[in-house]
Amino acid sequence: MKVLVTAFKPFHKSTNNYSMEVLNYLNNVEKLVIDVCYDECYREITKKFNLEEFDLIVALGETRSRTELTLEHAAKNLASCSIQDNAGILKKDELIVNENIEALHTLVETSCVDDLVKFSLDAGKYVCNNLYFHLLYNYPNKSLFIHIPECNNERNEYIKHAKVIEEIIKRIGKTIWNI
């Protein structure tokens, strides 16, 4: 099974990003760290990779408002936040695509990981949601987004989350592709 996992660079006065730190501890996947930019993050991925070649695409992002790994089931067609992205862009109540779509949901079967993560239908309205919306718009059958909770910059927390993500990938591979 060929898997791509992306993570974000630091943003908004931060010196690290939990998703980027966790990505460092993942094995047997293609990895890409992307910038926290509304208009560039998805393009950055598609410039580097042909996404058709992957069986699964897992995007990682950080959240400081949750205490557990959270697998997002949906992304809204809305960009709106009180902080700028790394390109200095501030979006307020803007559609991601100019279509009559309120939200998109992953079509990846995730019931096999119920015991590993929390589930959410709210990926926020910042760059994480923006990226996930683009992935679901183009690849709903193979795209997932996982939010990493605050890790207090502790190596053991990053490793723990990486192991859970590896198990998620393994279980989904077994369930869907019999791998």
Foldseek 3Di string as FASTA:
>chain_A
DAEEEEEEADWDPDHGWLRVLLQVQAPDYHYYYAFQALVPRQVVVVVVDDVVPGQAYEYEGADAVDDWKEKEFKAAQFAADPDAGPVRDGDHGDGLDPDPDGMAGAPQDQPQCVVLGHYHNDPDRGNQSSNQRVCCVPPSDHYIYIYQYDDVPDSVSSNVVSVSVVVSVVRSCCVPVVD
